[in-house]
N, C-alpha and C. Protein backbone atom coordinates (compact mmCIF):
# COMPACT_ATOMS: atom_id res chain seq x y z
N MET A 1 138.76 92.57 25.37
CA MET A 1 137.83 92.48 24.43
C MET A 1 137.68 90.84 24.01
N LEU A 2 138.77 90.13 24.04
CA LEU A 2 138.59 88.70 23.85
C LEU A 2 137.83 88.09 25.11
N GLY A 3 138.14 88.47 26.38
CA GLY A 3 137.59 87.93 27.37
C GLY A 3 136.02 88.10 27.41
N THR A 4 135.40 89.29 26.79
CA THR A 4 134.06 89.64 26.89
C THR A 4 133.42 88.58 25.94
N LYS A 5 133.98 88.45 24.76
CA LYS A 5 133.46 87.42 23.74
C LYS A 5 133.67 86.16 24.25
N THR A 6 134.58 85.75 25.03
CA THR A 6 134.69 84.38 25.49
C THR A 6 133.60 84.12 26.64
N LYS A 7 133.37 85.08 27.33
CA LYS A 7 132.14 85.07 28.35
C LYS A 7 130.92 84.74 27.66
N LYS A 8 130.79 85.60 26.65
CA LYS A 8 129.20 85.45 25.91
C LYS A 8 129.23 84.16 25.26
N LEU A 9 130.25 83.61 24.78
CA LEU A 9 130.37 82.26 24.07
C LEU A 9 130.01 81.14 25.12
N HIS A 10 130.68 81.24 26.20
CA HIS A 10 130.77 80.19 27.14
C HIS A 10 129.28 80.30 27.70
N ARG A 11 128.65 81.46 28.07
CA ARG A 11 127.15 81.41 28.53
C ARG A 11 126.39 80.80 27.59
N ARG A 12 126.41 81.19 26.31
CA ARG A 12 125.38 80.65 25.25
C ARG A 12 125.67 79.27 25.19
N LEU A 13 126.87 78.74 25.08
CA LEU A 13 127.09 77.33 25.03
C LEU A 13 126.71 76.56 26.08
N THR A 14 126.90 77.01 27.39
CA THR A 14 126.40 76.14 28.52
C THR A 14 124.86 76.16 28.62
N LEU A 15 124.31 77.13 28.17
CA LEU A 15 122.77 77.14 28.10
C LEU A 15 122.21 76.18 27.28
N VAL A 16 122.97 75.98 25.92
CA VAL A 16 122.53 74.97 25.05
C VAL A 16 123.06 73.59 25.57
N ALA A 17 124.08 73.42 26.20
CA ALA A 17 124.64 72.05 26.52
C ALA A 17 124.09 71.62 27.97
N VAL A 18 123.52 72.27 28.60
CA VAL A 18 122.99 71.78 29.86
C VAL A 18 121.93 70.65 30.01
N LEU A 19 120.98 70.78 29.17
CA LEU A 19 119.95 69.93 28.89
C LEU A 19 120.42 68.38 28.41
N PRO A 20 121.12 68.46 27.23
CA PRO A 20 121.54 67.18 26.74
C PRO A 20 122.53 66.64 27.79
N LEU A 21 123.45 67.27 28.51
CA LEU A 21 124.34 66.88 29.50
C LEU A 21 123.78 66.24 30.68
N PHE A 22 122.80 67.04 31.05
CA PHE A 22 121.92 66.68 32.29
C PHE A 22 121.35 65.38 32.04
N ILE A 23 120.69 65.16 30.83
CA ILE A 23 120.07 63.81 30.44
C ILE A 23 120.90 62.70 30.43
N THR A 24 122.01 63.00 29.86
CA THR A 24 123.06 61.83 29.62
C THR A 24 123.54 61.47 31.03
N VAL A 25 123.91 62.45 31.92
CA VAL A 25 124.52 62.12 33.31
C VAL A 25 123.46 61.26 34.10
N ILE A 26 122.25 61.90 34.18
CA ILE A 26 121.15 61.38 35.07
C ILE A 26 120.86 59.88 34.51
N SER A 27 120.64 59.79 33.26
CA SER A 27 120.27 58.39 32.74
C SER A 27 121.38 57.41 32.78
N GLY A 28 122.68 57.75 32.56
CA GLY A 28 123.73 56.90 32.98
C GLY A 28 123.99 56.47 34.13
N SER A 29 123.82 57.39 35.03
CA SER A 29 123.95 56.97 36.55
C SER A 29 122.75 56.40 37.16
N LEU A 30 121.56 56.47 36.71
CA LEU A 30 120.60 55.74 37.13
C LEU A 30 120.69 54.23 36.78
N TYR A 31 120.98 54.14 35.50
CA TYR A 31 121.25 52.93 34.93
C TYR A 31 122.26 51.97 35.54
N SER A 32 123.34 52.69 36.05
CA SER A 32 124.33 51.94 36.60
C SER A 32 123.82 51.62 38.16
N LEU A 33 123.25 52.40 38.79
CA LEU A 33 122.61 52.24 40.11
C LEU A 33 121.60 51.03 40.09
N PHE A 34 120.91 51.08 39.04
CA PHE A 34 119.84 50.02 39.04
C PHE A 34 120.51 48.66 38.65
N GLN A 35 121.51 48.75 37.88
CA GLN A 35 122.28 47.68 37.50
C GLN A 35 122.90 46.96 38.82
N TYR A 36 123.26 47.60 39.75
CA TYR A 36 123.82 47.14 41.05
C TYR A 36 123.02 46.46 41.81
N PHE A 37 121.46 46.85 41.77
CA PHE A 37 120.33 46.20 42.43
C PHE A 37 119.87 44.94 41.51
N GLY A 38 120.53 44.70 40.45
CA GLY A 38 119.97 43.63 39.59
C GLY A 38 118.69 44.03 38.71
N LEU A 39 118.52 45.23 38.49
CA LEU A 39 117.39 45.74 37.55
C LEU A 39 118.04 46.08 36.35
N ASP A 40 117.60 45.48 35.21
CA ASP A 40 118.06 46.05 33.83
C ASP A 40 116.99 46.74 33.10
N LEU A 41 117.12 48.18 33.26
CA LEU A 41 116.32 49.16 32.67
C LEU A 41 116.91 49.68 31.49
N PHE A 42 116.69 48.84 30.32
CA PHE A 42 117.43 48.97 29.11
C PHE A 42 116.94 50.46 28.50
N TRP A 43 115.74 50.97 28.75
CA TRP A 43 115.26 52.08 28.13
C TRP A 43 116.09 53.21 28.69
N LEU A 44 116.69 53.12 29.85
CA LEU A 44 117.58 54.21 30.32
C LEU A 44 118.88 54.44 29.48
N ILE A 45 119.28 53.31 28.89
CA ILE A 45 120.60 53.32 27.94
C ILE A 45 119.92 54.03 26.65
N LYS A 46 118.91 53.66 26.15
CA LYS A 46 118.39 54.26 25.10
C LYS A 46 118.33 55.70 25.01
N ILE A 47 117.89 56.31 26.30
CA ILE A 47 117.74 57.64 26.42
C ILE A 47 119.30 58.15 26.72
N HIS A 48 120.15 57.48 27.27
CA HIS A 48 121.34 57.80 27.44
C HIS A 48 122.05 58.08 26.22
N THR A 49 121.74 57.40 25.07
CA THR A 49 122.36 57.43 23.79
C THR A 49 121.57 58.28 22.80
N GLY A 50 120.50 58.85 23.18
CA GLY A 50 119.77 59.86 22.43
C GLY A 50 118.46 59.31 21.44
N ASN A 51 118.14 58.09 22.07
CA ASN A 51 116.85 57.60 21.52
C ASN A 51 115.75 57.87 22.37
N PHE A 52 115.05 58.88 22.10
CA PHE A 52 114.02 59.49 22.96
C PHE A 52 112.60 59.00 22.64
N PHE A 53 112.35 57.78 22.60
CA PHE A 53 111.21 56.94 22.25
C PHE A 53 110.56 57.19 20.90
N PHE A 54 109.96 58.35 20.72
CA PHE A 54 109.61 58.67 19.28
C PHE A 54 110.37 59.39 18.31
N ILE A 55 111.41 60.03 19.05
CA ILE A 55 112.52 60.79 18.35
C ILE A 55 113.79 59.95 18.49
N ASN A 56 114.40 59.49 17.41
CA ASN A 56 115.83 58.77 17.62
C ASN A 56 116.92 59.89 17.06
N LEU A 57 117.62 60.25 18.06
CA LEU A 57 118.56 61.28 17.62
C LEU A 57 120.02 60.72 17.83
N GLN A 58 120.10 59.02 17.99
CA GLN A 58 121.29 58.50 18.16
C GLN A 58 122.46 58.86 17.30
N PRO A 59 122.15 58.81 16.09
CA PRO A 59 123.40 59.35 15.18
C PRO A 59 124.17 60.45 15.34
N LEU A 60 123.16 61.52 15.93
CA LEU A 60 123.80 62.85 15.96
C LEU A 60 124.10 63.20 17.55
N TYR A 61 123.32 62.55 18.53
CA TYR A 61 123.24 63.00 19.85
C TYR A 61 124.75 62.92 20.68
N THR A 62 125.57 61.82 20.39
CA THR A 62 126.66 61.49 20.93
C THR A 62 127.75 62.60 20.36
N PRO A 63 128.00 62.60 19.13
CA PRO A 63 128.79 63.68 18.80
C PRO A 63 128.60 65.10 19.13
N VAL A 64 127.24 65.49 19.11
CA VAL A 64 126.95 66.87 19.55
C VAL A 64 127.09 66.96 21.05
N VAL A 65 126.81 66.14 21.64
CA VAL A 65 127.11 66.22 23.39
C VAL A 65 128.48 66.32 23.48
N GLY A 66 129.30 65.57 22.85
CA GLY A 66 130.74 65.43 22.91
C GLY A 66 131.37 66.87 22.46
N PHE A 67 130.95 67.43 21.43
CA PHE A 67 131.41 68.49 20.82
C PHE A 67 131.10 69.81 22.01
N LEU A 68 129.87 69.60 22.27
CA LEU A 68 129.30 70.85 23.29
C LEU A 68 130.25 70.71 24.56
N THR A 69 130.59 69.53 25.08
CA THR A 69 131.26 69.42 26.19
C THR A 69 132.59 69.90 26.02
N ILE A 70 133.43 69.53 24.95
CA ILE A 70 134.59 69.88 24.75
C ILE A 70 134.83 71.39 24.48
N THR A 71 133.91 71.97 23.78
CA THR A 71 133.85 73.30 23.62
C THR A 71 133.59 74.13 24.94
N ALA A 72 132.67 73.68 25.73
CA ALA A 72 132.46 74.34 27.03
C ALA A 72 133.67 74.32 27.90
N ILE A 73 134.49 73.02 27.86
CA ILE A 73 135.46 73.00 28.69
C ILE A 73 136.84 74.09 28.26
N ILE A 74 136.93 74.10 26.83
CA ILE A 74 137.88 74.83 26.13
C ILE A 74 137.54 76.45 26.54
N SER A 75 136.17 76.88 26.30
CA SER A 75 135.87 78.42 26.63
C SER A 75 135.77 78.54 28.03
N GLY A 76 135.72 77.65 28.99
CA GLY A 76 135.91 77.79 30.42
C GLY A 76 137.34 77.97 30.86
N LEU A 77 138.18 77.38 30.25
CA LEU A 77 139.58 77.45 30.49
C LEU A 77 140.08 78.75 29.99
N LEU A 78 139.77 79.19 29.04
CA LEU A 78 140.11 80.51 28.36
C LEU A 78 139.57 81.60 29.38
N LEU A 79 138.78 81.44 30.29
CA LEU A 79 138.03 82.42 31.12
C LEU A 79 139.19 82.70 32.29
N PHE A 80 139.97 81.78 32.62
CA PHE A 80 140.75 81.76 33.67
C PHE A 80 141.85 83.00 33.33
N PRO A 81 141.98 83.86 34.66
CA PRO A 81 142.89 84.94 34.26
C PRO A 81 144.36 84.35 33.97
N ARG A 82 145.00 85.17 33.09
CA ARG A 82 146.48 85.03 32.65
C ARG A 82 147.43 85.40 33.93
N SER A 83 148.32 84.48 34.22
CA SER A 83 149.22 85.12 35.41
C SER A 83 150.19 85.99 34.82
N LYS A 84 150.52 87.08 35.63
CA LYS A 84 151.38 88.00 35.09
C LYS A 84 152.63 87.83 35.83
N SER A 85 153.56 87.97 35.16
CA SER A 85 155.06 87.40 35.46
C SER A 85 155.59 88.59 36.54
N LYS A 86 156.07 88.28 37.51
CA LYS A 86 156.79 88.99 38.40
C LYS A 86 157.81 90.05 37.84
N TYR A 87 158.58 89.25 36.97
CA TYR A 87 159.76 89.92 36.46
C TYR A 87 159.49 90.17 34.93
N PRO A 88 158.95 91.33 34.44
CA PRO A 88 158.82 91.33 33.12
C PRO A 88 160.22 91.57 32.43
N ASN A 89 160.13 91.31 31.15
CA ASN A 89 161.33 91.38 30.25
C ASN A 89 161.78 92.75 30.26
């Protein structure tokens, strides 16, 4: 019963978390790549931190993305099967 609820939670959570995590990873990676070539595209860092030009979500974006990431990791770890002891008590 717990496994089914955990799977449902994990699926729903990852569907919600995939877009902000994807935006954060792509914008941060592209910014680092362009910095290597001497280009300073500061607008990528703004997107990376949650400032989407007309909508500024910076105060909420980082904590929400962090919470979603930690919760997805924990729910994913709970999906691992429990090891059964060879020698039960």
